[in-house]
Amino acid sequence: MFNKAKPPATPDRPSNVPPIPPLPDLPSPGGGRTAAAAQVPAPTLIASSRGLSTLSSDLQFEGNVSGAGDLQVDGSVKGDVRVGRLIVGETGAIEGNVTADYLEVRGRVVGAVSGKQVKLVSTAYVDGDITAEQLSIDIGAYFQGRVLQSRREVPAPVAPAPRPAPEVISMAAPAAPVEDKPQTIELKSV
């Protein structure tokens, strides 16, 4: 009586396998958003129990910023920034070196950038070297500098125990009068 309509089976996907949902960054293949999806607010960029500290667009800060927390810069910072997670907003600007585990640049950074995950959004402007384990650069982002891929530090492999050198047994020829004849020596390994 109440049967759910099943989509027709495609050659690549049987009918009992659910469809794969689209990625959050990409529009769905069906076109626009549904009314239910439009009402749901977009997820926050950083979900953290510590909360997000924000330097608003009308503030200018001179000096270094450091900490383990999350920071969003919508204003201006002249100095080095070293935090756990960092978002440089579209109106944000940093002149100095930036280090963060997760870094998303939507605004302007002039200086070296270092992090585990670095993402340059289409509105980003970065002038400086980037060192990252994972780097994403959207179309339209400006980047001038070098990219160095860092790797997670893997413990050095344990060197195998040195093998004992094979024993060499030499058989010396019996003592003979000294002549210029070559002597034959047999070597056997055990």
Protein backbone atom coordinates (compact mmCIF):
# COMPACT_ATOMS: atom_id res chain seq x y z
CA MET A 1 0.00 0.00 0.00
CA PHE A 2 2.70 2.50 1.01
CA ASN A 3 5.66 1.59 -1.12
CA LYS A 4 8.64 3.86 -1.46
CA ALA A 5 9.45 4.52 -5.07
CA LYS A 6 12.83 3.06 -5.96
CA PRO A 7 15.06 4.81 -8.45
CA PRO A 8 15.75 2.74 -11.54
CA ALA A 9 18.86 0.60 -11.33
CA THR A 10 21.80 1.83 -13.33
CA PRO A 11 24.40 -0.51 -14.81
CA ASP A 12 27.00 0.82 -12.35
CA ARG A 13 24.85 0.69 -9.22
CA PRO A 14 22.33 -1.96 -8.18
CA SER A 15 18.96 -0.75 -6.90
CA ASN A 16 19.66 -1.89 -3.31
CA VAL A 17 22.68 0.46 -2.91
CA PRO A 18 21.76 3.95 -1.64
CA PRO A 19 22.89 6.91 -3.76
CA ILE A 20 26.06 8.75 -2.76
CA PRO A 21 25.31 12.20 -1.34
CA PRO A 22 27.08 15.18 -2.99
CA LEU A 23 30.11 16.74 -1.35
CA PRO A 24 29.31 19.77 0.83
CA ASP A 25 31.47 22.16 -1.25
CA LEU A 26 29.93 21.12 -4.57
CA PRO A 27 26.40 21.77 -5.80
CA SER A 28 24.24 18.70 -6.08
CA PRO A 29 23.96 17.18 -9.54
CA GLY A 30 20.21 17.84 -9.58
CA GLY A 31 20.74 21.58 -9.73
CA GLY A 32 19.56 24.01 -7.05
CA ARG A 33 18.98 23.42 -3.36
CA THR A 34 15.74 22.11 -2.02
CA ALA A 35 13.63 24.23 0.31
CA ALA A 36 14.57 22.01 3.28
CA ALA A 37 18.28 22.38 2.57
CA ALA A 38 17.96 26.16 2.26
CA GLN A 39 16.46 26.42 5.74
CA VAL A 40 19.25 24.49 7.46
CA PRO A 41 22.10 26.82 8.43
CA ALA A 42 25.50 26.02 6.99
CA PRO A 43 27.77 24.14 9.37
CA THR A 44 30.38 26.21 11.15
CA LEU A 45 33.86 26.03 9.71
CA ILE A 46 35.44 25.13 13.01
CA ALA A 47 33.67 22.96 15.54
CA SER A 48 35.48 23.16 18.83
CA SER A 49 34.64 22.94 22.48
CA ARG A 50 36.96 25.89 23.19
CA GLY A 51 35.08 28.29 20.96
CA LEU A 52 36.37 30.60 18.30
CA SER A 53 38.15 33.88 19.05
CA THR A 54 37.61 36.58 16.46
CA LEU A 55 39.59 39.69 15.58
CA SER A 56 36.87 41.77 13.94
CA SER A 57 37.27 43.72 10.73
CA ASP A 58 37.58 47.13 12.41
CA LEU A 59 40.54 46.09 14.61
CA GLN A 60 44.25 46.34 13.89
CA PHE A 61 46.73 44.36 15.99
CA GLU A 62 50.50 44.84 16.05
CA GLY A 63 52.51 42.07 17.68
CA ASN A 64 52.70 38.31 17.76
CA VAL A 65 49.67 36.14 18.49
CA SER A 66 50.12 32.63 19.90
CA GLY A 67 48.01 30.00 21.57
CA ALA A 68 46.50 26.57 21.15
CA GLY A 69 42.96 27.81 20.45
CA ASP A 70 40.99 28.71 17.34
CA LEU A 71 41.21 32.17 15.79
CA GLN A 72 39.40 33.98 13.01
CA VAL A 73 41.08 37.12 11.71
CA ASP A 74 38.78 39.56 9.95
CA GLY A 75 40.91 42.58 10.86
CA SER A 76 44.60 43.30 10.42
CA VAL A 77 47.56 41.66 12.19
CA LYS A 78 51.16 42.84 11.81
CA GLY A 79 53.21 40.10 13.42
CA ASP A 80 53.54 36.34 13.57
CA VAL A 81 50.47 34.19 14.28
CA ARG A 82 50.82 30.74 15.84
CA VAL A 83 47.54 29.02 16.82
CA GLY A 84 45.84 25.64 16.62
CA ARG A 85 43.31 26.55 13.94
CA LEU A 86 43.16 29.76 11.94
CA ILE A 87 40.72 31.29 9.49
CA VAL A 88 41.75 34.47 7.71
CA GLY A 89 38.43 36.02 6.65
CA GLU A 90 37.84 37.86 3.39
CA THR A 91 38.55 41.20 5.10
CA GLY A 92 41.42 39.76 7.14
CA ALA A 93 45.09 40.56 6.53
CA ILE A 94 48.21 39.17 8.19
CA GLU A 95 51.72 40.51 7.63
CA GLY A 96 53.99 37.95 9.23
CA ASN A 97 54.61 34.25 9.47
CA VAL A 98 51.59 32.04 10.09
CA THR A 99 51.66 28.61 11.75
CA ALA A 100 48.54 26.53 12.47
CA ASP A 101 47.47 22.90 12.35
CA TYR A 102 44.49 23.88 10.17
CA LEU A 103 44.61 27.08 8.14
CA GLU A 104 41.97 28.47 5.81
CA VAL A 105 42.83 31.67 3.96
CA ARG A 106 40.04 33.75 2.46
CA GLY A 107 41.82 37.09 2.82
CA ARG A 108 45.44 38.28 2.59
CA VAL A 109 48.62 36.78 4.05
CA VAL A 110 52.08 38.19 3.35
CA GLY A 111 54.65 35.90 4.92
CA ALA A 112 55.53 32.24 5.30
CA VAL A 113 52.65 29.84 5.93
CA SER A 114 53.06 26.53 7.73
CA GLY A 115 50.46 23.95 8.73
CA LYS A 116 49.20 20.40 8.50
CA GLN A 117 46.18 21.36 6.40
CA VAL A 118 46.28 24.58 4.39
CA LYS A 119 43.38 25.70 2.21
CA LEU A 120 43.42 28.76 -0.04
CA VAL A 121 39.87 29.75 -0.98
CA SER A 122 39.17 31.55 -4.27
CA THR A 123 39.39 34.99 -2.59
CA ALA A 124 42.78 34.28 -0.97
CA TYR A 125 45.95 36.29 -1.58
CA VAL A 126 49.14 34.65 -0.28
CA ASP A 127 52.60 36.06 -0.89
CA GLY A 128 55.09 33.72 0.78
CA ASP A 129 56.25 30.14 1.00
CA ILE A 130 53.80 27.44 2.08
CA THR A 131 54.87 24.35 4.01
CA ALA A 132 52.04 21.86 4.46
CA GLU A 133 51.17 18.19 4.66
CA GLN A 134 47.94 18.83 2.73
CA LEU A 135 47.41 21.83 0.47
CA SER A 136 44.27 22.89 -1.37
CA ILE A 137 44.17 25.90 -3.70
CA ASP A 138 40.81 26.90 -5.18
CA ILE A 139 40.52 28.41 -8.65
CA GLY A 140 40.90 32.19 -8.43
CA ALA A 141 43.20 32.21 -5.39
CA TYR A 142 46.43 34.20 -5.77
CA PHE A 143 49.63 32.55 -4.58
CA GLN A 144 53.21 33.74 -5.02
CA GLY A 145 55.96 31.65 -3.45
CA ARG A 146 57.22 28.10 -3.05
CA VAL A 147 55.40 25.04 -1.80
CA LEU A 148 57.19 22.55 0.41
CA GLN A 149 55.39 19.37 1.31
CA SER A 150 56.11 18.26 4.83
CA ARG A 151 55.42 14.77 5.99
CA ARG A 152 54.35 13.44 9.33
CA GLU A 153 57.30 12.41 11.37
CA VAL A 154 57.45 8.65 11.19
CA PRO A 155 59.65 6.91 13.73
CA ALA A 156 62.88 5.74 12.20
CA PRO A 157 62.77 2.05 11.34
CA VAL A 158 64.62 -0.18 13.72
CA ALA A 159 67.81 -1.33 12.09
CA PRO A 160 68.12 -5.10 11.93
CA ALA A 161 70.78 -6.63 14.10
CA PRO A 162 74.05 -6.86 12.23
CA ARG A 163 74.67 -10.27 10.78
CA PRO A 164 77.75 -12.04 11.93
CA ALA A 165 80.40 -12.09 9.26
CA PRO A 166 80.72 -15.47 7.57
CA GLU A 167 83.65 -17.42 8.79
CA VAL A 168 86.38 -17.90 6.29
CA ILE A 169 88.53 -20.96 6.55
CA SER A 170 91.74 -20.81 4.72
CA MET A 171 93.78 -23.79 3.87
CA ALA A 172 97.38 -22.89 3.61
CA ALA A 173 99.55 -24.87 1.29
CA PRO A 174 102.23 -26.93 2.93
CA ALA A 175 105.50 -25.17 3.46
CA ALA A 176 107.56 -25.36 0.35
CA PRO A 177 110.72 -23.81 -0.75
CA VAL A 178 110.23 -20.17 -1.67
CA GLU A 179 109.69 -19.96 -5.36
CA ASP A 180 107.96 -17.57 -7.66
CA LYS A 181 105.21 -20.08 -8.33
CA PRO A 182 101.66 -18.97 -7.45
CA GLN A 183 100.11 -20.74 -4.52
CA THR A 184 96.55 -21.98 -4.49
CA ILE A 185 94.44 -21.25 -1.41
CA GLU A 186 90.92 -22.59 -1.04
CA LEU A 187 88.35 -20.51 0.80
CA LYS A 188 85.17 -22.04 2.08
CA SER A 189 82.38 -20.30 3.90
CA VAL A 190 80.40 -22.10 6.55
